[in-house]
Amino acid sequence: MQRQRRAREPTPEAAALELLETAVLAQKPFDQIVEPVARSFDESGMSEEELDDLVKQTRKAIREERRQDK
């Protein structure tokens, strides 16, 4: 189990990159940050209901995976 946890923990390099990305994004207006995601969603043709279902399914799968790791 510890090995699996360590495998999921970010490396120092990945953590540093995430901090840097966060700092850069913090300098942009929120609309500018989410615009590519919103555009991609619009282009996908997926409905909001389908997106909600996908999020729910993903949450359930992640929770089940976490329970198995314990």
PDB file of N, CA and C in Angstrom:
ATOM      1  N   MET A   1       0.816  -1.195   0.000  1.00  0.00           N
ATOM      2  CA  MET A   1       0.000   0.000   0.000  1.00  0.00           C
ATOM      3  C   MET A   1       0.859   1.259   0.000  1.00  0.00           C
ATOM      4  N   GLN A   2       1.913   1.268   0.808  1.00  0.00           N
ATOM      5  CA  GLN A   2       2.768   2.454   0.845  1.00  0.00           C
ATOM      6  C   GLN A   2       3.386   2.708  -0.518  1.00  0.00           C
ATOM      7  N   ARG A   3       3.756   1.637  -1.203  1.00  0.00           N
ATOM      8  CA  ARG A   3       4.357   1.782  -2.520  1.00  0.00           C
ATOM      9  C   ARG A   3       3.363   2.432  -3.481  1.00  0.00           C
ATOM     10  N   GLN A   4       2.082   2.041  -3.385  1.00  0.00           N
ATOM     11  CA  GLN A   4       1.057   2.629  -4.243  1.00  0.00           C
ATOM     12  C   GLN A   4       0.848   4.093  -3.914  1.00  0.00           C
ATOM     13  N   ARG A   5       0.869   4.422  -2.619  1.00  0.00           N
ATOM     14  CA  ARG A   5       0.714   5.828  -2.228  1.00  0.00           C
ATOM     15  C   ARG A   5       1.863   6.660  -2.758  1.00  0.00           C
ATOM     16  N   ARG A   6       3.082   6.130  -2.607  1.00  0.00           N
ATOM     17  CA  ARG A   6       4.252   6.870  -3.094  1.00  0.00           C
ATOM     18  C   ARG A   6       4.196   7.055  -4.594  1.00  0.00           C
ATOM     19  N   ALA A   7       3.674   6.064  -5.302  1.00  0.00           N
ATOM     20  CA  ALA A   7       3.577   6.164  -6.754  1.00  0.00           C
ATOM     21  C   ALA A   7       2.615   7.275  -7.164  1.00  0.00           C
ATOM     22  N   ARG A   8       1.610   7.550  -6.323  1.00  0.00           N
ATOM     23  CA  ARG A   8       0.646   8.607  -6.624  1.00  0.00           C
ATOM     24  C   ARG A   8       1.124   9.977  -6.188  1.00  0.00           C
ATOM     25  N   GLU A   9       2.082  10.026  -5.281  1.00  0.00           N
ATOM     26  CA  GLU A   9       2.587  11.314  -4.821  1.00  0.00           C
ATOM     27  C   GLU A   9       3.418  11.950  -5.923  1.00  0.00           C
ATOM     28  N   PRO A  10       3.267  13.254  -6.095  1.00  0.00           N
ATOM     29  CA  PRO A  10       4.049  13.905  -7.151  1.00  0.00           C
ATOM     30  C   PRO A  10       5.531  13.945  -6.797  1.00  0.00           C
ATOM     31  N   THR A  11       6.345  13.891  -7.825  1.00  0.00           N
ATOM     32  CA  THR A  11       7.778  14.033  -7.619  1.00  0.00           C
ATOM     33  C   THR A  11       8.041  15.484  -7.252  1.00  0.00           C
ATOM     34  N   PRO A  12       9.197  15.787  -6.683  1.00  0.00           N
ATOM     35  CA  PRO A  12       9.503  17.195  -6.389  1.00  0.00           C
ATOM     36  C   PRO A  12       9.439  18.070  -7.635  1.00  0.00           C
ATOM     37  N   GLU A  13       9.866  17.523  -8.764  1.00  0.00           N
ATOM     38  CA  GLU A  13       9.831  18.290 -10.016  1.00  0.00           C
ATOM     39  C   GLU A  13       8.399  18.589 -10.437  1.00  0.00           C
ATOM     40  N   ALA A  14       7.538  17.564 -10.330  1.00  0.00           N
ATOM     41  CA  ALA A  14       6.133  17.744 -10.705  1.00  0.00           C
ATOM     42  C   ALA A  14       5.448  18.736  -9.769  1.00  0.00           C
ATOM     43  N   ALA A  15       5.759  18.655  -8.488  1.00  0.00           N
ATOM     44  CA  ALA A  15       5.172  19.589  -7.522  1.00  0.00           C
ATOM     45  C   ALA A  15       5.615  21.015  -7.822  1.00  0.00           C
ATOM     46  N   ALA A  16       6.887  21.186  -8.161  1.00  0.00           N
ATOM     47  CA  ALA A  16       7.405  22.517  -8.485  1.00  0.00           C
ATOM     48  C   ALA A  16       6.733  23.056  -9.748  1.00  0.00           C
ATOM     49  N   LEU A  17       6.559  22.196 -10.745  1.00  0.00           N
ATOM     50  CA  LEU A  17       5.899  22.610 -11.979  1.00  0.00           C
ATOM     51  C   LEU A  17       4.460  23.016 -11.708  1.00  0.00           C
ATOM     52  N   GLU A  18       3.775  22.261 -10.866  1.00  0.00           N
ATOM     53  CA  GLU A  18       2.390  22.592 -10.516  1.00  0.00           C
ATOM     54  C   GLU A  18       2.315  23.948  -9.816  1.00  0.00           C
ATOM     55  N   LEU A  19       3.242  24.203  -8.907  1.00  0.00           N
ATOM     56  CA  LEU A  19       3.270  25.503  -8.223  1.00  0.00           C
ATOM     57  C   LEU A  19       3.510  26.636  -9.215  1.00  0.00           C
ATOM     58  N   LEU A  20       4.421  26.405 -10.140  1.00  0.00           N
ATOM     59  CA  LEU A  20       4.726  27.423 -11.150  1.00  0.00           C
ATOM     60  C   LEU A  20       3.514  27.683 -12.035  1.00  0.00           C
ATOM     61  N   GLU A  21       2.853  26.614 -12.476  1.00  0.00           N
ATOM     62  CA  GLU A  21       1.654  26.773 -13.299  1.00  0.00           C
ATOM     63  C   GLU A  21       0.570  27.529 -12.541  1.00  0.00           C
ATOM     64  N   THR A  22       0.405  27.222 -11.271  1.00  0.00           N
ATOM     65  CA  THR A  22      -0.591  27.902 -10.444  1.00  0.00           C
ATOM     66  C   THR A  22      -0.281  29.381 -10.340  1.00  0.00           C
ATOM     67  N   ALA A  23       0.985  29.700 -10.150  1.00  0.00           N
ATOM     68  CA  ALA A  23       1.389  31.105 -10.039  1.00  0.00           C
ATOM     69  C   ALA A  23       1.139  31.851 -11.343  1.00  0.00           C
ATOM     70  N   VAL A  24       1.428  31.211 -12.457  1.00  0.00           N
ATOM     71  CA  VAL A  24       1.219  31.853 -13.764  1.00  0.00           C
ATOM     72  C   VAL A  24      -0.271  32.041 -14.013  1.00  0.00           C
ATOM     73  N   LEU A  25      -1.055  30.999 -13.732  1.00  0.00           N
ATOM     74  CA  LEU A  25      -2.497  31.097 -13.959  1.00  0.00           C
ATOM     75  C   LEU A  25      -3.144  32.134 -13.054  1.00  0.00           C
ATOM     76  N   ALA A  26      -2.599  32.315 -11.872  1.00  0.00           N
ATOM     77  CA  ALA A  26      -3.164  33.278 -10.933  1.00  0.00           C
ATOM     78  C   ALA A  26      -3.064  34.703 -11.466  1.00  0.00           C
ATOM     79  N   GLN A  27      -2.213  34.911 -12.428  1.00  0.00           N
ATOM     80  CA  GLN A  27      -2.033  36.246 -13.002  1.00  0.00           C
ATOM     81  C   GLN A  27      -3.029  36.528 -14.125  1.00  0.00           C
ATOM     82  N   LYS A  28      -3.789  35.517 -14.524  1.00  0.00           N
ATOM     83  CA  LYS A  28      -4.756  35.682 -15.610  1.00  0.00           C
ATOM     84  C   LYS A  28      -6.165  35.773 -15.035  1.00  0.00           C
ATOM     85  N   PRO A  29      -7.054  36.500 -15.705  1.00  0.00           N
ATOM     86  CA  PRO A  29      -8.450  36.528 -15.268  1.00  0.00           C
ATOM     87  C   PRO A  29      -9.071  35.136 -15.394  1.00  0.00           C
ATOM     88  N   PHE A  30     -10.007  34.820 -14.515  1.00  0.00           N
ATOM     89  CA  PHE A  30     -10.629  33.497 -14.496  1.00  0.00           C
ATOM     90  C   PHE A  30     -11.228  33.136 -15.854  1.00  0.00           C
ATOM     91  N   ASP A  31     -11.914  34.062 -16.488  1.00  0.00           N
ATOM     92  CA  ASP A  31     -12.533  33.783 -17.788  1.00  0.00           C
ATOM     93  C   ASP A  31     -11.494  33.337 -18.809  1.00  0.00           C
ATOM     94  N   GLN A  32     -10.340  33.934 -18.762  1.00  0.00           N
ATOM     95  CA  GLN A  32      -9.277  33.584 -19.703  1.00  0.00           C
ATOM     96  C   GLN A  32      -8.726  32.184 -19.405  1.00  0.00           C
ATOM     97  N   ILE A  33      -8.708  31.797 -18.170  1.00  0.00           N
ATOM     98  CA  ILE A  33      -8.197  30.478 -17.789  1.00  0.00           C
ATOM     99  C   ILE A  33      -9.160  29.369 -18.240  1.00  0.00           C
ATOM    100  N   VAL A  34     -10.467  29.572 -18.033  1.00  0.00           N
ATOM    101  CA  VAL A  34     -11.437  28.518 -18.337  1.00  0.00           C
ATOM    102  C   VAL A  34     -11.931  28.549 -19.777  1.00  0.00           C
ATOM    103  N   GLU A  35     -11.619  29.578 -20.520  1.00  0.00           N
ATOM    104  CA  GLU A  35     -12.114  29.705 -21.891  1.00  0.00           C
ATOM    105  C   GLU A  35     -11.770  28.498 -22.761  1.00  0.00           C
ATOM    106  N   PRO A  36     -10.537  27.987 -22.753  1.00  0.00           N
ATOM    107  CA  PRO A  36     -10.239  26.813 -23.591  1.00  0.00           C
ATOM    108  C   PRO A  36     -11.060  25.580 -23.191  1.00  0.00           C
ATOM    109  N   VAL A  37     -11.310  25.413 -21.902  1.00  0.00           N
ATOM    110  CA  VAL A  37     -12.105  24.282 -21.436  1.00  0.00           C
ATOM    111  C   VAL A  37     -13.552  24.449 -21.893  1.00  0.00           C
ATOM    112  N   ALA A  38     -14.098  25.648 -21.737  1.00  0.00           N
ATOM    113  CA  ALA A  38     -15.477  25.904 -22.148  1.00  0.00           C
ATOM    114  C   ALA A  38     -15.632  25.731 -23.658  1.00  0.00           C
ATOM    115  N   ARG A  39     -14.668  26.195 -24.421  1.00  0.00           N
ATOM    116  CA  ARG A  39     -14.713  26.057 -25.880  1.00  0.00           C
ATOM    117  C   ARG A  39     -14.681  24.586 -26.273  1.00  0.00           C
ATOM    118  N   SER A  40     -13.810  23.828 -25.636  1.00  0.00           N
ATOM    119  CA  SER A  40     -13.699  22.401 -25.920  1.00  0.00           C
ATOM    120  C   SER A  40     -15.007  21.682 -25.586  1.00  0.00           C
ATOM    121  N   PHE A  41     -15.616  22.046 -24.463  1.00  0.00           N
ATOM    122  CA  PHE A  41     -16.898  21.449 -24.084  1.00  0.00           C
ATOM    123  C   PHE A  41     -17.961  21.771 -25.133  1.00  0.00           C
ATOM    124  N   ASP A  42     -18.037  23.028 -25.558  1.00  0.00           N
ATOM    125  CA  ASP A  42     -19.022  23.423 -26.566  1.00  0.00           C
ATOM    126  C   ASP A  42     -18.820  22.643 -27.867  1.00  0.00           C
ATOM    127  N   GLU A  43     -17.565  22.475 -28.261  1.00  0.00           N
ATOM    128  CA  GLU A  43     -17.254  21.773 -29.506  1.00  0.00           C
ATOM    129  C   GLU A  43     -17.523  20.275 -29.410  1.00  0.00           C
ATOM    130  N   SER A  44     -17.524  19.735 -28.201  1.00  0.00           N
ATOM    131  CA  SER A  44     -17.721  18.289 -28.024  1.00  0.00           C
ATOM    132  C   SER A  44     -19.146  17.848 -28.347  1.00  0.00           C
ATOM    133  N   GLY A  45     -20.095  18.761 -28.197  1.00  0.00           N
ATOM    134  CA  GLY A  45     -21.485  18.418 -28.425  1.00  0.00           C
ATOM    135  C   GLY A  45     -22.132  17.715 -27.233  1.00  0.00           C
ATOM    136  N   MET A  46     -21.377  17.566 -26.155  1.00  0.00           N
ATOM    137  CA  MET A  46     -21.892  16.907 -24.955  1.00  0.00           C
ATOM    138  C   MET A  46     -22.854  17.863 -24.239  1.00  0.00           C
ATOM    139  N   SER A  47     -23.952  17.284 -23.731  1.00  0.00           N
ATOM    140  CA  SER A  47     -24.894  18.108 -22.978  1.00  0.00           C
ATOM    141  C   SER A  47     -24.402  18.266 -21.542  1.00  0.00           C
ATOM    142  N   GLU A  48     -24.967  19.230 -20.841  1.00  0.00           N
ATOM    143  CA  GLU A  48     -24.599  19.417 -19.436  1.00  0.00           C
ATOM    144  C   GLU A  48     -24.991  18.188 -18.609  1.00  0.00           C
ATOM    145  N   GLU A  49     -26.110  17.580 -18.959  1.00  0.00           N
ATOM    146  CA  GLU A  49     -26.547  16.373 -18.254  1.00  0.00           C
ATOM    147  C   GLU A  49     -25.551  15.233 -18.473  1.00  0.00           C
ATOM    148  N   GLU A  50     -25.059  15.092 -19.691  1.00  0.00           N
ATOM    149  CA  GLU A  50     -24.059  14.053 -19.972  1.00  0.00           C
ATOM    150  C   GLU A  50     -22.768  14.316 -19.198  1.00  0.00           C
ATOM    151  N   LEU A  51     -22.378  15.582 -19.108  1.00  0.00           N
ATOM    152  CA  LEU A  51     -21.188  15.938 -18.343  1.00  0.00           C
ATOM    153  C   LEU A  51     -21.396  15.610 -16.865  1.00  0.00           C
ATOM    154  N   ASP A  52     -22.553  15.947 -16.336  1.00  0.00           N
ATOM    155  CA  ASP A  52     -22.859  15.624 -14.932  1.00  0.00           C
ATOM    156  C   ASP A  52     -22.752  14.117 -14.687  1.00  0.00           C
ATOM    157  N   ASP A  53     -23.309  13.323 -15.606  1.00  0.00           N
ATOM    158  CA  ASP A  53     -23.247  11.864 -15.471  1.00  0.00           C
ATOM    159  C   ASP A  53     -21.798  11.373 -15.508  1.00  0.00           C
ATOM    160  N   LEU A  54     -21.006  11.935 -16.401  1.00  0.00           N
ATOM    161  CA  LEU A  54     -19.595  11.552 -16.509  1.00  0.00           C
ATOM    162  C   LEU A  54     -18.840  11.863 -15.217  1.00  0.00           C
ATOM    163  N   VAL A  55     -19.096  13.033 -14.652  1.00  0.00           N
ATOM    164  CA  VAL A  55     -18.442  13.415 -13.395  1.00  0.00           C
ATOM    165  C   VAL A  55     -18.853  12.470 -12.273  1.00  0.00           C
ATOM    166  N   LYS A  56     -20.127  12.137 -12.189  1.00  0.00           N
ATOM    167  CA  LYS A  56     -20.611  11.225 -11.156  1.00  0.00           C
ATOM    168  C   LYS A  56     -19.977   9.838 -11.301  1.00  0.00           C
ATOM    169  N   GLN A  57     -19.904   9.336 -12.524  1.00  0.00           N
ATOM    170  CA  GLN A  57     -19.299   8.027 -12.770  1.00  0.00           C
ATOM    171  C   GLN A  57     -17.816   8.027 -12.396  1.00  0.00           C
ATOM    172  N   THR A  58     -17.144   9.111 -12.738  1.00  0.00           N
ATOM    173  CA  THR A  58     -15.719   9.216 -12.440  1.00  0.00           C
ATOM    174  C   THR A  58     -15.489   9.275 -10.940  1.00  0.00           C
ATOM    175  N   ARG A  59     -16.284  10.058 -10.235  1.00  0.00           N
ATOM    176  CA  ARG A  59     -16.166  10.118  -8.773  1.00  0.00           C
ATOM    177  C   ARG A  59     -16.359   8.744  -8.147  1.00  0.00           C
ATOM    178  N   LYS A  60     -17.384   8.036  -8.608  1.00  0.00           N
ATOM    179  CA  LYS A  60     -17.672   6.706  -8.074  1.00  0.00           C
ATOM    180  C   LYS A  60     -16.491   5.769  -8.310  1.00  0.00           C
ATOM    181  N   ALA A  61     -15.925   5.795  -9.500  1.00  0.00           N
ATOM    182  CA  ALA A  61     -14.792   4.927  -9.829  1.00  0.00           C
ATOM    183  C   ALA A  61     -13.581   5.260  -8.970  1.00  0.00           C
ATOM    184  N   ILE A  62     -13.331   6.539  -8.744  1.00  0.00           N
ATOM    185  CA  ILE A  62     -12.188   6.955  -7.922  1.00  0.00           C
ATOM    186  C   ILE A  62     -12.391   6.523  -6.487  1.00  0.00           C
ATOM    187  N   ARG A  63     -13.591   6.690  -5.961  1.00  0.00           N
ATOM    188  CA  ARG A  63     -13.872   6.273  -4.582  1.00  0.00           C
ATOM    189  C   ARG A  63     -13.708   4.768  -4.415  1.00  0.00           C
ATOM    190  N   GLU A  64     -14.182   4.004  -5.390  1.00  0.00           N
ATOM    191  CA  GLU A  64     -14.033   2.548  -5.324  1.00  0.00           C
ATOM    192  C   GLU A  64     -12.556   2.159  -5.362  1.00  0.00           C
ATOM    193  N   GLU A  65     -11.799   2.824  -6.201  1.00  0.00           N
ATOM    194  CA  GLU A  65     -10.359   2.552  -6.285  1.00  0.00           C
ATOM    195  C   GLU A  65      -9.652   2.866  -4.969  1.00  0.00           C
ATOM    196  N   ARG A  66     -10.027   3.963  -4.355  1.00  0.00           N
ATOM    197  CA  ARG A  66      -9.416   4.341  -3.072  1.00  0.00           C
ATOM    198  C   ARG A  66      -9.754   3.326  -1.987  1.00  0.00           C
ATOM    199  N   ARG A  67     -11.003   2.834  -1.982  1.00  0.00           N
ATOM    200  CA  ARG A  67     -11.401   1.832  -0.994  1.00  0.00           C
ATOM    201  C   ARG A  67     -10.592   0.548  -1.166  1.00  0.00           C
ATOM    202  N   GLN A  68     -10.318   0.183  -2.403  1.00  0.00           N
ATOM    203  CA  GLN A  68      -9.535  -1.029  -2.669  1.00  0.00           C
ATOM    204  C   GLN A  68      -8.087  -0.870  -2.238  1.00  0.00           C
ATOM    205  N   ASP A  69      -7.564   0.350  -2.276  1.00  0.00           N
ATOM    206  CA  ASP A  69      -6.175   0.617  -1.904  1.00  0.00           C
ATOM    207  C   ASP A  69      -5.960   0.545  -0.394  1.00  0.00           C
ATOM    208  N   LYS A  70      -7.021   0.648   0.386  1.00  0.00           N
ATOM    209  CA  LYS A  70      -6.882   0.658   1.855  1.00  0.00           C
ATOM    210  C   LYS A  70      -6.574  -0.702   2.390  1.00  0.00           C
TER     211      LYS A  70
END
